[in-house]
Amino acid sequence: MARSKSKHIRLINRRRKQYKQRMKRRKAEAKTGGAAAQKRRPARKPATPAAPPPAPAASAPAAPGGQPT
């Protein structure tokens, strides 16, 4: 069911007010050099390259019977 227009406007205004307060606090923290000012997410790390395929064995494979005597 749809939200009434008045409730919708009130919700938008409430979110805007919260956002403005948050920005005001963040700005004040940045000015004083608080911990919240340093709290910035690091840049997205590049994807790690795929692991190289396993190296082939240097010697010929052993006989199925094990070591010859």
PDB file of N, CA and C in Angstrom:
ATOM      1  N   MET A   1       0.845  -1.183   0.000  1.00  0.00           N
ATOM      2  CA  MET A   1       0.000   0.000   0.000  1.00  0.00           C
ATOM      3  C   MET A   1       0.889   1.245   0.000  1.00  0.00           C
ATOM      4  N   ALA A   2       0.491   2.218  -0.719  1.00  0.00           N
ATOM      5  CA  ALA A   2       1.304   3.429  -0.861  1.00  0.00           C
ATOM      6  C   ALA A   2       1.247   4.280   0.407  1.00  0.00           C
ATOM      7  N   ARG A   3       2.302   5.033   0.624  1.00  0.00           N
ATOM      8  CA  ARG A   3       2.391   5.934   1.761  1.00  0.00           C
ATOM      9  C   ARG A   3       1.664   7.218   1.403  1.00  0.00           C
ATOM     10  N   SER A   4       0.970   7.806   2.376  1.00  0.00           N
ATOM     11  CA  SER A   4       0.277   9.061   2.091  1.00  0.00           C
ATOM     12  C   SER A   4       1.309  10.161   1.829  1.00  0.00           C
ATOM     13  N   LYS A   5       0.893  11.159   1.099  1.00  0.00           N
ATOM     14  CA  LYS A   5       1.813  12.231   0.705  1.00  0.00           C
ATOM     15  C   LYS A   5       2.406  12.943   1.918  1.00  0.00           C
ATOM     16  N   SER A   6       1.579  13.212   2.909  1.00  0.00           N
ATOM     17  CA  SER A   6       2.069  13.933   4.094  1.00  0.00           C
ATOM     18  C   SER A   6       3.109  13.100   4.850  1.00  0.00           C
ATOM     19  N   LYS A   7       2.858  11.782   4.964  1.00  0.00           N
ATOM     20  CA  LYS A   7       3.827  10.923   5.643  1.00  0.00           C
ATOM     21  C   LYS A   7       5.128  10.846   4.847  1.00  0.00           C
ATOM     22  N   HIS A   8       4.993  10.808   3.552  1.00  0.00           N
ATOM     23  CA  HIS A   8       6.168  10.746   2.685  1.00  0.00           C
ATOM     24  C   HIS A   8       7.026  12.002   2.856  1.00  0.00           C
ATOM     25  N   ILE A   9       6.391  13.152   2.847  1.00  0.00           N
ATOM     26  CA  ILE A   9       7.110  14.428   3.005  1.00  0.00           C
ATOM     27  C   ILE A   9       7.776  14.485   4.378  1.00  0.00           C
ATOM     28  N   ARG A  10       7.058  14.046   5.410  1.00  0.00           N
ATOM     29  CA  ARG A  10       7.626  14.052   6.759  1.00  0.00           C
ATOM     30  C   ARG A  10       8.851  13.144   6.846  1.00  0.00           C
ATOM     31  N   LEU A  11       8.773  11.993   6.191  1.00  0.00           N
ATOM     32  CA  LEU A  11       9.893  11.062   6.189  1.00  0.00           C
ATOM     33  C   LEU A  11      11.111  11.671   5.489  1.00  0.00           C
ATOM     34  N   ILE A  12      10.860  12.292   4.339  1.00  0.00           N
ATOM     35  CA  ILE A  12      11.949  12.937   3.596  1.00  0.00           C
ATOM     36  C   ILE A  12      12.587  14.040   4.429  1.00  0.00           C
ATOM     37  N   ASN A  13      11.769  14.852   5.055  1.00  0.00           N
ATOM     38  CA  ASN A  13      12.293  15.946   5.880  1.00  0.00           C
ATOM     39  C   ASN A  13      13.082  15.420   7.071  1.00  0.00           C
ATOM     40  N   ARG A  14      12.600  14.317   7.661  1.00  0.00           N
ATOM     41  CA  ARG A  14      13.293  13.728   8.801  1.00  0.00           C
ATOM     42  C   ARG A  14      14.662  13.208   8.378  1.00  0.00           C
ATOM     43  N   ARG A  15      14.711  12.522   7.246  1.00  0.00           N
ATOM     44  CA  ARG A  15      15.993  12.014   6.746  1.00  0.00           C
ATOM     45  C   ARG A  15      16.943  13.159   6.436  1.00  0.00           C
ATOM     46  N   ARG A  16      16.414  14.223   5.825  1.00  0.00           N
ATOM     47  CA  ARG A  16      17.248  15.385   5.478  1.00  0.00           C
ATOM     48  C   ARG A  16      17.824  16.009   6.743  1.00  0.00           C
ATOM     49  N   LYS A  17      16.984  16.131   7.776  1.00  0.00           N
ATOM     50  CA  LYS A  17      17.431  16.718   9.032  1.00  0.00           C
ATOM     51  C   LYS A  17      18.542  15.870   9.661  1.00  0.00           C
ATOM     52  N   GLN A  18      18.356  14.551   9.680  1.00  0.00           N
ATOM     53  CA  GLN A  18      19.372  13.657  10.231  1.00  0.00           C
ATOM     54  C   GLN A  18      20.677  13.776   9.450  1.00  0.00           C
ATOM     55  N   TYR A  19      20.557  13.828   8.127  1.00  0.00           N
ATOM     56  CA  TYR A  19      21.744  13.933   7.269  1.00  0.00           C
ATOM     57  C   TYR A  19      22.499  15.222   7.564  1.00  0.00           C
ATOM     58  N   LYS A  20      21.758  16.330   7.660  1.00  0.00           N
ATOM     59  CA  LYS A  20      22.396  17.626   7.914  1.00  0.00           C
ATOM     60  C   LYS A  20      23.101  17.634   9.271  1.00  0.00           C
ATOM     61  N   GLN A  21      22.454  17.024  10.281  1.00  0.00           N
ATOM     62  CA  GLN A  21      23.082  16.963  11.604  1.00  0.00           C
ATOM     63  C   GLN A  21      24.356  16.133  11.557  1.00  0.00           C
ATOM     64  N   ARG A  22      24.292  15.021  10.806  1.00  0.00           N
ATOM     65  CA  ARG A  22      25.463  14.157  10.674  1.00  0.00           C
ATOM     66  C   ARG A  22      26.609  14.898  10.012  1.00  0.00           C
ATOM     67  N   MET A  23      26.297  15.630   8.944  1.00  0.00           N
ATOM     68  CA  MET A  23      27.329  16.382   8.228  1.00  0.00           C
ATOM     69  C   MET A  23      27.899  17.491   9.106  1.00  0.00           C
ATOM     70  N   LYS A  24      27.048  18.130   9.882  1.00  0.00           N
ATOM     71  CA  LYS A  24      27.492  19.207  10.772  1.00  0.00           C
ATOM     72  C   LYS A  24      28.473  18.650  11.796  1.00  0.00           C
ATOM     73  N   ARG A  25      28.124  17.472  12.371  1.00  0.00           N
ATOM     74  CA  ARG A  25      29.008  16.837  13.344  1.00  0.00           C
ATOM     75  C   ARG A  25      30.328  16.427  12.711  1.00  0.00           C
ATOM     76  N   ARG A  26      30.252  15.862  11.506  1.00  0.00           N
ATOM     77  CA  ARG A  26      31.467  15.408  10.819  1.00  0.00           C
ATOM     78  C   ARG A  26      32.377  16.584  10.498  1.00  0.00           C
ATOM     79  N   LYS A  27      31.767  17.685  10.083  1.00  0.00           N
ATOM     80  CA  LYS A  27      32.530  18.888   9.752  1.00  0.00           C
ATOM     81  C   LYS A  27      33.240  19.418  10.997  1.00  0.00           C
ATOM     82  N   ALA A  28      32.520  19.438  12.128  1.00  0.00           N
ATOM     83  CA  ALA A  28      33.106  19.920  13.376  1.00  0.00           C
ATOM     84  C   ALA A  28      34.244  19.003  13.813  1.00  0.00           C
ATOM     85  N   GLU A  29      34.065  17.694  13.659  1.00  0.00           N
ATOM     86  CA  GLU A  29      35.114  16.735  14.015  1.00  0.00           C
ATOM     87  C   GLU A  29      36.351  16.940  13.152  1.00  0.00           C
ATOM     88  N   ALA A  30      36.135  17.177  11.867  1.00  0.00           N
ATOM     89  CA  ALA A  30      37.253  17.370  10.944  1.00  0.00           C
ATOM     90  C   ALA A  30      38.033  18.631  11.319  1.00  0.00           C
ATOM     91  N   LYS A  31      37.307  19.648  11.765  1.00  0.00           N
ATOM     92  CA  LYS A  31      37.953  20.906  12.131  1.00  0.00           C
ATOM     93  C   LYS A  31      38.846  20.715  13.359  1.00  0.00           C
ATOM     94  N   THR A  32      38.362  19.905  14.323  1.00  0.00           N
ATOM     95  CA  THR A  32      39.141  19.670  15.542  1.00  0.00           C
ATOM     96  C   THR A  32      40.151  18.545  15.362  1.00  0.00           C
ATOM     97  N   GLY A  33      40.047  17.814  14.269  1.00  0.00           N
ATOM     98  CA  GLY A  33      40.987  16.720  14.018  1.00  0.00           C
ATOM     99  C   GLY A  33      40.671  15.497  14.854  1.00  0.00           C
ATOM    100  N   GLY A  34      39.382  15.232  15.060  1.00  0.00           N
ATOM    101  CA  GLY A  34      38.968  14.083  15.865  1.00  0.00           C
ATOM    102  C   GLY A  34      39.151  12.769  15.122  1.00  0.00           C
ATOM    103  N   ALA A  35      38.867  11.671  15.824  1.00  0.00           N
ATOM    104  CA  ALA A  35      39.038  10.328  15.254  1.00  0.00           C
ATOM    105  C   ALA A  35      38.052  10.079  14.120  1.00  0.00           C
ATOM    106  N   ALA A  36      36.860  10.652  14.206  1.00  0.00           N
ATOM    107  CA  ALA A  36      35.843  10.426  13.183  1.00  0.00           C
ATOM    108  C   ALA A  36      36.269  11.016  11.843  1.00  0.00           C
ATOM    109  N   ALA A  37      37.101  12.047  11.900  1.00  0.00           N
ATOM    110  CA  ALA A  37      37.563  12.669  10.661  1.00  0.00           C
ATOM    111  C   ALA A  37      38.495  11.726   9.904  1.00  0.00           C
ATOM    112  N   GLN A  38      39.226  10.892  10.649  1.00  0.00           N
ATOM    113  CA  GLN A  38      40.171   9.966  10.034  1.00  0.00           C
ATOM    114  C   GLN A  38      39.478   8.722   9.494  1.00  0.00           C
ATOM    115  N   LYS A  39      38.234   8.546   9.846  1.00  0.00           N
ATOM    116  CA  LYS A  39      37.515   7.305   9.561  1.00  0.00           C
ATOM    117  C   LYS A  39      37.011   7.259   8.118  1.00  0.00           C
ATOM    118  N   ARG A  40      37.917   7.218   7.163  1.00  0.00           N
ATOM    119  CA  ARG A  40      37.543   7.151   5.752  1.00  0.00           C
ATOM    120  C   ARG A  40      37.872   5.761   5.232  1.00  0.00           C
ATOM    121  N   ARG A  41      36.985   5.201   4.450  1.00  0.00           N
ATOM    122  CA  ARG A  41      37.228   3.854   3.918  1.00  0.00           C
ATOM    123  C   ARG A  41      38.406   3.864   2.957  1.00  0.00           C
ATOM    124  N   PRO A  42      39.225   2.821   2.989  1.00  0.00           N
ATOM    125  CA  PRO A  42      40.334   2.761   2.031  1.00  0.00           C
ATOM    126  C   PRO A  42      39.812   2.517   0.620  1.00  0.00           C
ATOM    127  N   ALA A  43      40.595   2.903  -0.362  1.00  0.00           N
ATOM    128  CA  ALA A  43      40.202   2.700  -1.748  1.00  0.00           C
ATOM    129  C   ALA A  43      40.046   1.213  -2.016  1.00  0.00           C
ATOM    130  N   ARG A  44      39.235   0.893  -2.978  1.00  0.00           N
ATOM    131  CA  ARG A  44      38.992  -0.515  -3.292  1.00  0.00           C
ATOM    132  C   ARG A  44      40.276  -1.169  -3.782  1.00  0.00           C
ATOM    133  N   LYS A  45      40.607  -2.298  -3.201  1.00  0.00           N
ATOM    134  CA  LYS A  45      41.849  -2.973  -3.569  1.00  0.00           C
ATOM    135  C   LYS A  45      41.669  -3.670  -4.912  1.00  0.00           C
ATOM    136  N   PRO A  46      42.697  -3.687  -5.760  1.00  0.00           N
ATOM    137  CA  PRO A  46      42.574  -4.392  -7.032  1.00  0.00           C
ATOM    138  C   PRO A  46      42.454  -5.893  -6.792  1.00  0.00           C
ATOM    139  N   ALA A  47      41.789  -6.572  -7.693  1.00  0.00           N
ATOM    140  CA  ALA A  47      41.606  -8.010  -7.552  1.00  0.00           C
ATOM    141  C   ALA A  47      42.956  -8.707  -7.609  1.00  0.00           C
ATOM    142  N   THR A  48      43.119  -9.690  -6.764  1.00  0.00           N
ATOM    143  CA  THR A  48      44.397 -10.411  -6.749  1.00  0.00           C
ATOM    144  C   THR A  48      44.512 -11.267  -7.995  1.00  0.00           C
ATOM    145  N   PRO A  49      45.690 -11.325  -8.617  1.00  0.00           N
ATOM    146  CA  PRO A  49      45.840 -12.138  -9.824  1.00  0.00           C
ATOM    147  C   PRO A  49      45.689 -13.615  -9.496  1.00  0.00           C
ATOM    148  N   ALA A  50      45.243 -14.384 -10.472  1.00  0.00           N
ATOM    149  CA  ALA A  50      45.046 -15.818 -10.262  1.00  0.00           C
ATOM    150  C   ALA A  50      46.386 -16.484  -9.984  1.00  0.00           C
ATOM    151  N   ALA A  51      46.356 -17.499  -9.142  1.00  0.00           N
ATOM    152  CA  ALA A  51      47.582 -18.207  -8.784  1.00  0.00           C
ATOM    153  C   ALA A  51      48.110 -18.937 -10.016  1.00  0.00           C
ATOM    154  N   PRO A  52      49.452 -18.977 -10.197  1.00  0.00           N
ATOM    155  CA  PRO A  52      50.007 -19.675 -11.363  1.00  0.00           C
ATOM    156  C   PRO A  52      49.730 -21.168 -11.274  1.00  0.00           C
ATOM    157  N   PRO A  53      49.605 -21.856 -12.387  1.00  0.00           N
ATOM    158  CA  PRO A  53      49.336 -23.302 -12.337  1.00  0.00           C
ATOM    159  C   PRO A  53      50.516 -24.035 -11.710  1.00  0.00           C
ATOM    160  N   PRO A  54      50.288 -25.175 -11.091  1.00  0.00           N
ATOM    161  CA  PRO A  54      51.386 -25.881 -10.437  1.00  0.00           C
ATOM    162  C   PRO A  54      52.438 -26.301 -11.456  1.00  0.00           C
ATOM    163  N   ALA A  55      53.712 -26.224 -11.044  1.00  0.00           N
ATOM    164  CA  ALA A  55      54.819 -26.552 -11.950  1.00  0.00           C
ATOM    165  C   ALA A  55      54.815 -28.053 -12.250  1.00  0.00           C
ATOM    166  N   PRO A  56      55.153 -28.451 -13.484  1.00  0.00           N
ATOM    167  CA  PRO A  56      55.187 -29.886 -13.797  1.00  0.00           C
ATOM    168  C   PRO A  56      56.341 -30.565 -13.054  1.00  0.00           C
ATOM    169  N   ALA A  57      56.182 -31.863 -12.800  1.00  0.00           N
ATOM    170  CA  ALA A  57      57.195 -32.616 -12.064  1.00  0.00           C
ATOM    171  C   ALA A  57      58.489 -32.660 -12.873  1.00  0.00           C
ATOM    172  N   ALA A  58      59.634 -32.541 -12.214  1.00  0.00           N
ATOM    173  CA  ALA A  58      60.927 -32.500 -12.896  1.00  0.00           C
ATOM    174  C   ALA A  58      61.327 -33.882 -13.423  1.00  0.00           C
ATOM    175  N   SER A  59      60.993 -34.936 -12.685  1.00  0.00           N
ATOM    176  CA  SER A  59      61.392 -36.288 -13.130  1.00  0.00           C
ATOM    177  C   SER A  59      60.176 -37.051 -13.650  1.00  0.00           C
ATOM    178  N   ALA A  60      60.441 -38.180 -14.305  1.00  0.00           N
ATOM    179  CA  ALA A  60      59.358 -39.008 -14.843  1.00  0.00           C
ATOM    180  C   ALA A  60      58.541 -39.589 -13.691  1.00  0.00           C
ATOM    181  N   PRO A  61      57.260 -39.845 -13.890  1.00  0.00           N
ATOM    182  CA  PRO A  61      56.454 -40.400 -12.809  1.00  0.00           C
ATOM    183  C   PRO A  61      56.948 -41.797 -12.402  1.00  0.00           C
ATOM    184  N   ALA A  62      56.832 -42.112 -11.153  1.00  0.00           N
ATOM    185  CA  ALA A  62      57.301 -43.400 -10.638  1.00  0.00           C
ATOM    186  C   ALA A  62      56.410 -44.533 -11.138  1.00  0.00           C
ATOM    187  N   ALA A  63      56.970 -45.718 -11.165  1.00  0.00           N
ATOM    188  CA  ALA A  63      56.204 -46.894 -11.601  1.00  0.00           C
ATOM    189  C   ALA A  63      55.121 -47.190 -10.571  1.00  0.00           C
ATOM    190  N   PRO A  64      53.994 -47.774 -11.008  1.00  0.00           N
ATOM    191  CA  PRO A  64      52.899 -48.019 -10.062  1.00  0.00           C
ATOM    192  C   PRO A  64      53.265 -49.003  -8.956  1.00  0.00           C
ATOM    193  N   GLY A  65      54.251 -49.864  -9.170  1.00  0.00           N
ATOM    194  CA  GLY A  65      54.619 -50.842  -8.153  1.00  0.00           C
ATOM    195  C   GLY A  65      55.500 -50.261  -7.063  1.00  0.00           C
ATOM    196  N   GLY A  66      55.901 -49.034  -7.152  1.00  0.00           N
ATOM    197  CA  GLY A  66      56.779 -48.441  -6.156  1.00  0.00           C
ATOM    198  C   GLY A  66      58.221 -48.514  -6.602  1.00  0.00           C
ATOM    199  N   GLN A  67      59.161 -48.495  -5.659  1.00  0.00           N
ATOM    200  CA  GLN A  67      60.585 -48.524  -5.956  1.00  0.00           C
ATOM    201  C   GLN A  67      61.039 -49.930  -6.419  1.00  0.00           C
ATOM    202  N   PRO A  68      61.759 -50.017  -7.539  1.00  0.00           N
ATOM    203  CA  PRO A  68      62.286 -51.321  -7.946  1.00  0.00           C
ATOM    204  C   PRO A  68      63.481 -51.718  -7.062  1.00  0.00           C
ATOM    205  N   THR A  69      63.583 -53.005  -6.750  1.00  0.00           N
ATOM    206  CA  THR A  69      64.696 -53.458  -5.899  1.00  0.00           C
ATOM    207  C   THR A  69      65.733 -54.242  -6.668  1.00  0.00           C
TER     208      THR A  69
END
